[in-house]
Amino acid sequence: MGCAKPHATHWQDLRSRPVEQILDRPGVAASTEGAGASVSATDSVGFGFEVSFLTDRYRVDPEAERIDALGPDPELILRDAFQILLLNYLLAPNGGPPTGELISEKELRGGATFFRGPHELPVSEVVARYGEDVPGFESRARELGGVPAQHGDCAMRLQPFAAIEMTYILWRADDEFGASMSALFDRSIGRWLTLDMVYIMAGEVSRRLASPPR
């Protein structure tokens, strides 16, 4: 799915929100790096935010209209769609904690129509890499902060954002079927992200799972 760079309206929305409202979501912290000693948590000018995604941290600067990786690779070039995803998480209403109820993407409101064709959940690159390497899948998921879950032949639960969980489930190949994979989401995701952002998030997580460690 193609995606433009963050639009000026994204940044304007972020600058116009009360800082305490943005800090209300899990995994987000204040950052006054380079902002001067006089900036407080109630100011928006010169104020930035740090947000976690999997095991990485990013700094979002509304005034400079830029997002930088803080670690583990500060030189990481961020995809445009991923930057929009980070901004959407900061701007989303606080959807509350996970419910513990797992659903497929098609159980989200409108999901059965949206998640098909070019918007099918992007897990093919993960099963292509790990379909015959279950230990490798578990190891890579753990590197990204994942923990085991009781589904399929191997399942790992990850937290792309501190408030959002998704579970990848791998089935080994057998005499009749090839290896396959699916992803489930905590039902609360529908209160945090729109369907297009769910798709972008799943694509980013899948891409990192299928990539070697940096």
Protein backbone atom coordinates (compact mmCIF):
# COMPACT_ATOMS: atom_id res chain seq x y z
CA MET A 1 0.00 0.00 0.00
CA GLY A 2 1.48 3.35 -0.99
CA CYS A 3 1.52 6.07 1.60
CA ALA A 4 2.47 9.73 1.45
CA LYS A 5 4.75 11.43 3.94
CA PRO A 6 3.20 12.88 7.10
CA HIS A 7 1.01 15.76 6.02
CA ALA A 8 1.15 19.24 7.51
CA THR A 9 -2.23 18.57 9.13
CA HIS A 10 -0.76 15.67 11.12
CA TRP A 11 1.78 18.01 12.64
CA GLN A 12 -0.72 20.78 13.19
CA ASP A 13 -3.02 18.36 15.00
CA LEU A 14 -0.13 17.26 17.21
CA ARG A 15 0.89 20.83 18.04
CA SER A 16 -2.68 21.77 18.91
CA ARG A 17 -3.25 18.91 21.38
CA PRO A 18 -2.63 19.44 25.10
CA VAL A 19 0.67 17.79 25.98
CA GLU A 20 -0.86 15.94 28.93
CA GLN A 21 -3.40 14.35 26.58
CA ILE A 22 -0.66 12.90 24.40
CA LEU A 23 1.33 11.73 27.42
CA ASP A 24 -1.78 9.86 28.59
CA ARG A 25 -1.09 6.92 26.28
CA PRO A 26 1.21 4.07 27.37
CA GLY A 27 4.76 4.05 26.03
CA VAL A 28 4.90 7.81 25.49
CA ALA A 29 7.16 10.11 27.49
CA ALA A 30 8.08 13.78 27.42
CA SER A 31 11.25 14.87 25.67
CA THR A 32 12.60 18.41 26.02
CA GLU A 33 15.88 17.69 24.27
CA GLY A 34 17.04 20.95 22.76
CA ALA A 35 13.94 22.77 23.97
CA GLY A 36 15.47 24.90 26.71
CA ALA A 37 15.11 24.78 30.46
CA SER A 38 11.95 26.90 30.59
CA VAL A 39 9.74 24.37 28.80
CA SER A 40 7.25 22.60 31.06
CA ALA A 41 4.87 19.70 30.51
CA THR A 42 2.05 22.14 29.86
CA ASP A 43 3.90 23.89 27.03
CA SER A 44 3.70 22.73 23.43
CA VAL A 45 6.32 24.97 21.82
CA GLY A 46 9.69 23.25 21.74
CA PHE A 47 8.23 20.15 23.37
CA GLY A 48 8.74 16.67 21.95
CA PHE A 49 7.68 13.13 22.69
CA GLU A 50 9.43 9.80 22.95
CA VAL A 51 7.39 6.80 21.87
CA SER A 52 8.24 3.11 21.87
CA PHE A 53 7.57 0.65 19.05
CA LEU A 54 8.53 -2.95 19.81
CA THR A 55 12.00 -2.59 21.41
CA ASP A 56 12.90 0.71 19.73
CA ARG A 57 12.42 4.32 20.83
CA TYR A 58 11.71 7.35 18.66
CA ARG A 59 11.62 11.09 19.27
CA VAL A 60 8.77 13.04 17.69
CA ASP A 61 9.37 16.78 17.41
CA PRO A 62 6.16 18.64 16.49
CA GLU A 63 7.90 21.99 15.99
CA ALA A 64 10.65 20.71 13.69
CA GLU A 65 8.15 18.29 12.11
CA ARG A 66 10.55 15.37 12.26
CA ILE A 67 10.84 11.93 13.80
CA ASP A 68 14.21 10.45 14.75
CA ALA A 69 15.20 6.98 15.86
CA LEU A 70 16.85 7.03 19.29
CA GLY A 71 17.98 3.43 19.46
CA PRO A 72 19.21 0.87 18.98
CA ASP A 73 20.09 2.37 15.56
CA PRO A 74 19.97 6.19 15.61
CA GLU A 75 20.83 6.27 11.89
CA LEU A 76 17.77 4.25 10.94
CA ILE A 77 15.83 5.75 8.02
CA LEU A 78 12.13 5.65 8.87
CA ARG A 79 9.55 4.73 6.26
CA ASP A 80 6.98 7.41 5.54
CA ALA A 81 4.09 5.09 6.42
CA PHE A 82 5.73 4.21 9.72
CA GLN A 83 6.09 7.89 10.62
CA ILE A 84 2.38 8.40 9.95
CA LEU A 85 1.64 5.39 12.17
CA LEU A 86 3.63 6.89 15.06
CA LEU A 87 1.77 10.19 14.70
CA ASN A 88 -1.58 8.41 14.61
CA TYR A 89 -0.78 6.59 17.84
CA LEU A 90 0.04 9.91 19.52
CA LEU A 91 -3.15 11.49 18.20
CA ALA A 92 -5.53 8.57 18.81
CA PRO A 93 -8.03 8.67 21.66
CA ASN A 94 -6.79 6.58 24.57
CA GLY A 95 -8.38 3.21 23.87
CA GLY A 96 -7.56 1.72 27.26
CA PRO A 97 -5.66 -1.46 28.15
CA PRO A 98 -5.77 -4.76 26.25
CA THR A 99 -8.87 -6.87 26.88
CA GLY A 100 -7.21 -10.27 26.58
CA GLU A 101 -9.65 -11.25 23.81
CA LEU A 102 -7.97 -12.12 20.51
CA ILE A 103 -9.68 -11.43 17.19
CA SER A 104 -8.70 -11.59 13.54
CA GLU A 105 -8.39 -8.47 11.45
CA LYS A 106 -11.67 -9.34 9.71
CA GLU A 107 -13.55 -9.21 13.01
CA LEU A 108 -12.83 -5.51 13.32
CA ARG A 109 -15.65 -3.24 12.20
CA GLY A 110 -15.30 -2.99 8.42
CA GLY A 111 -12.38 -5.43 8.48
CA ALA A 112 -14.01 -8.12 6.35
CA THR A 113 -14.24 -5.64 3.49
CA PHE A 114 -10.95 -3.82 4.04
CA PHE A 115 -8.54 -6.70 4.68
CA ARG A 116 -8.67 -8.43 1.32
CA GLY A 117 -6.88 -8.18 -2.01
CA PRO A 118 -4.06 -5.63 -1.71
CA HIS A 119 -4.86 -5.15 1.97
CA GLU A 120 -4.54 -8.77 3.05
CA LEU A 121 -2.64 -8.90 6.30
CA PRO A 122 1.08 -8.87 5.32
CA VAL A 123 2.47 -12.00 6.97
CA SER A 124 3.73 -13.83 3.87
CA GLU A 125 7.34 -12.66 4.27
CA VAL A 126 7.40 -13.96 7.84
CA VAL A 127 6.14 -17.45 6.95
CA ALA A 128 8.49 -17.51 3.94
CA ARG A 129 11.43 -16.96 6.26
CA TYR A 130 10.39 -19.12 9.20
CA GLY A 131 8.03 -21.75 7.79
CA GLU A 132 10.76 -24.34 8.16
CA ASP A 133 12.52 -22.68 11.09
CA VAL A 134 10.27 -22.50 14.13
CA PRO A 135 13.16 -21.93 16.57
CA GLY A 136 14.34 -19.05 14.38
CA PHE A 137 10.88 -17.50 14.48
CA GLU A 138 10.68 -17.73 18.25
CA SER A 139 14.20 -16.35 18.66
CA ARG A 140 13.59 -13.35 16.40
CA ALA A 141 10.25 -12.58 18.06
CA ARG A 142 11.93 -12.65 21.47
CA GLU A 143 14.53 -10.16 20.20
CA LEU A 144 11.62 -7.83 19.44
CA GLY A 145 10.17 -8.24 22.90
CA GLY A 146 7.81 -11.12 22.10
CA VAL A 147 6.65 -13.75 24.59
CA PRO A 148 5.25 -17.25 23.84
CA ALA A 149 1.50 -17.80 23.50
CA GLN A 150 -0.45 -21.07 23.33
CA HIS A 151 -1.62 -21.28 19.71
CA GLY A 152 -0.66 -23.31 16.66
CA ASP A 153 2.76 -24.95 16.50
CA CYS A 154 4.40 -21.77 17.74
CA ALA A 155 2.85 -18.45 18.67
CA MET A 156 4.48 -15.23 19.89
CA ARG A 157 2.74 -12.20 21.36
CA LEU A 158 4.31 -8.84 20.61
CA GLN A 159 3.58 -5.28 21.65
CA PRO A 160 4.09 -2.93 18.71
CA PHE A 161 2.93 -0.13 21.00
CA ALA A 162 2.76 -0.35 24.77
CA ALA A 163 -1.05 -0.41 24.64
CA ILE A 164 -1.41 -2.65 21.56
CA GLU A 165 -0.80 -6.39 21.33
CA MET A 166 -0.73 -8.73 18.36
CA THR A 167 -0.01 -12.45 18.21
CA TYR A 168 1.68 -14.25 15.32
CA ILE A 169 0.76 -17.92 14.97
CA LEU A 170 2.88 -20.32 12.92
CA TRP A 171 1.80 -23.75 11.69
CA ARG A 172 4.48 -26.07 10.35
CA ALA A 173 4.15 -27.67 6.92
CA ASP A 174 2.77 -31.21 6.79
CA ASP A 175 2.14 -33.81 4.08
CA GLU A 176 -0.97 -31.99 2.93
CA PHE A 177 -0.38 -28.28 3.49
CA GLY A 178 2.54 -25.92 3.42
CA ALA A 179 3.55 -23.80 6.39
CA SER A 180 1.16 -20.98 7.20
CA MET A 181 0.89 -18.03 9.52
CA SER A 182 -1.80 -15.75 10.82
CA ALA A 183 -1.90 -12.78 13.15
CA LEU A 184 -4.48 -11.95 15.78
CA PHE A 185 -5.08 -8.69 17.61
CA ASP A 186 -6.37 -7.79 21.01
CA ARG A 187 -9.92 -6.54 20.53
CA SER A 188 -8.97 -3.17 22.02
CA ILE A 189 -7.00 -2.29 18.88
CA GLY A 190 -10.23 -1.07 17.28
CA ARG A 191 -10.35 1.67 19.91
CA TRP A 192 -6.81 2.80 19.10
CA LEU A 193 -6.23 2.59 15.36
CA THR A 194 -8.17 2.86 12.13
CA LEU A 195 -8.08 -0.08 9.72
CA ASP A 196 -5.43 1.46 7.47
CA MET A 197 -3.18 2.05 10.49
CA VAL A 198 -3.70 -1.55 11.63
CA TYR A 199 -2.54 -2.64 8.17
CA ILE A 200 0.54 -0.39 8.28
CA MET A 201 1.39 -1.55 11.80
CA ALA A 202 1.14 -5.23 10.85
CA GLY A 203 3.34 -4.59 7.82
CA GLU A 204 6.00 -2.91 9.95
CA VAL A 205 6.01 -5.68 12.55
CA SER A 206 6.14 -8.37 9.86
CA ARG A 207 9.00 -6.61 8.10
CA ARG A 208 11.01 -6.50 11.31
CA LEU A 209 10.26 -10.12 12.16
CA ALA A 210 11.43 -11.21 8.71
CA SER A 211 14.60 -9.09 8.88
CA PRO A 212 17.84 -10.11 10.59
CA PRO A 213 18.78 -8.27 13.77
CA ARG A 214 20.32 -4.84 13.20
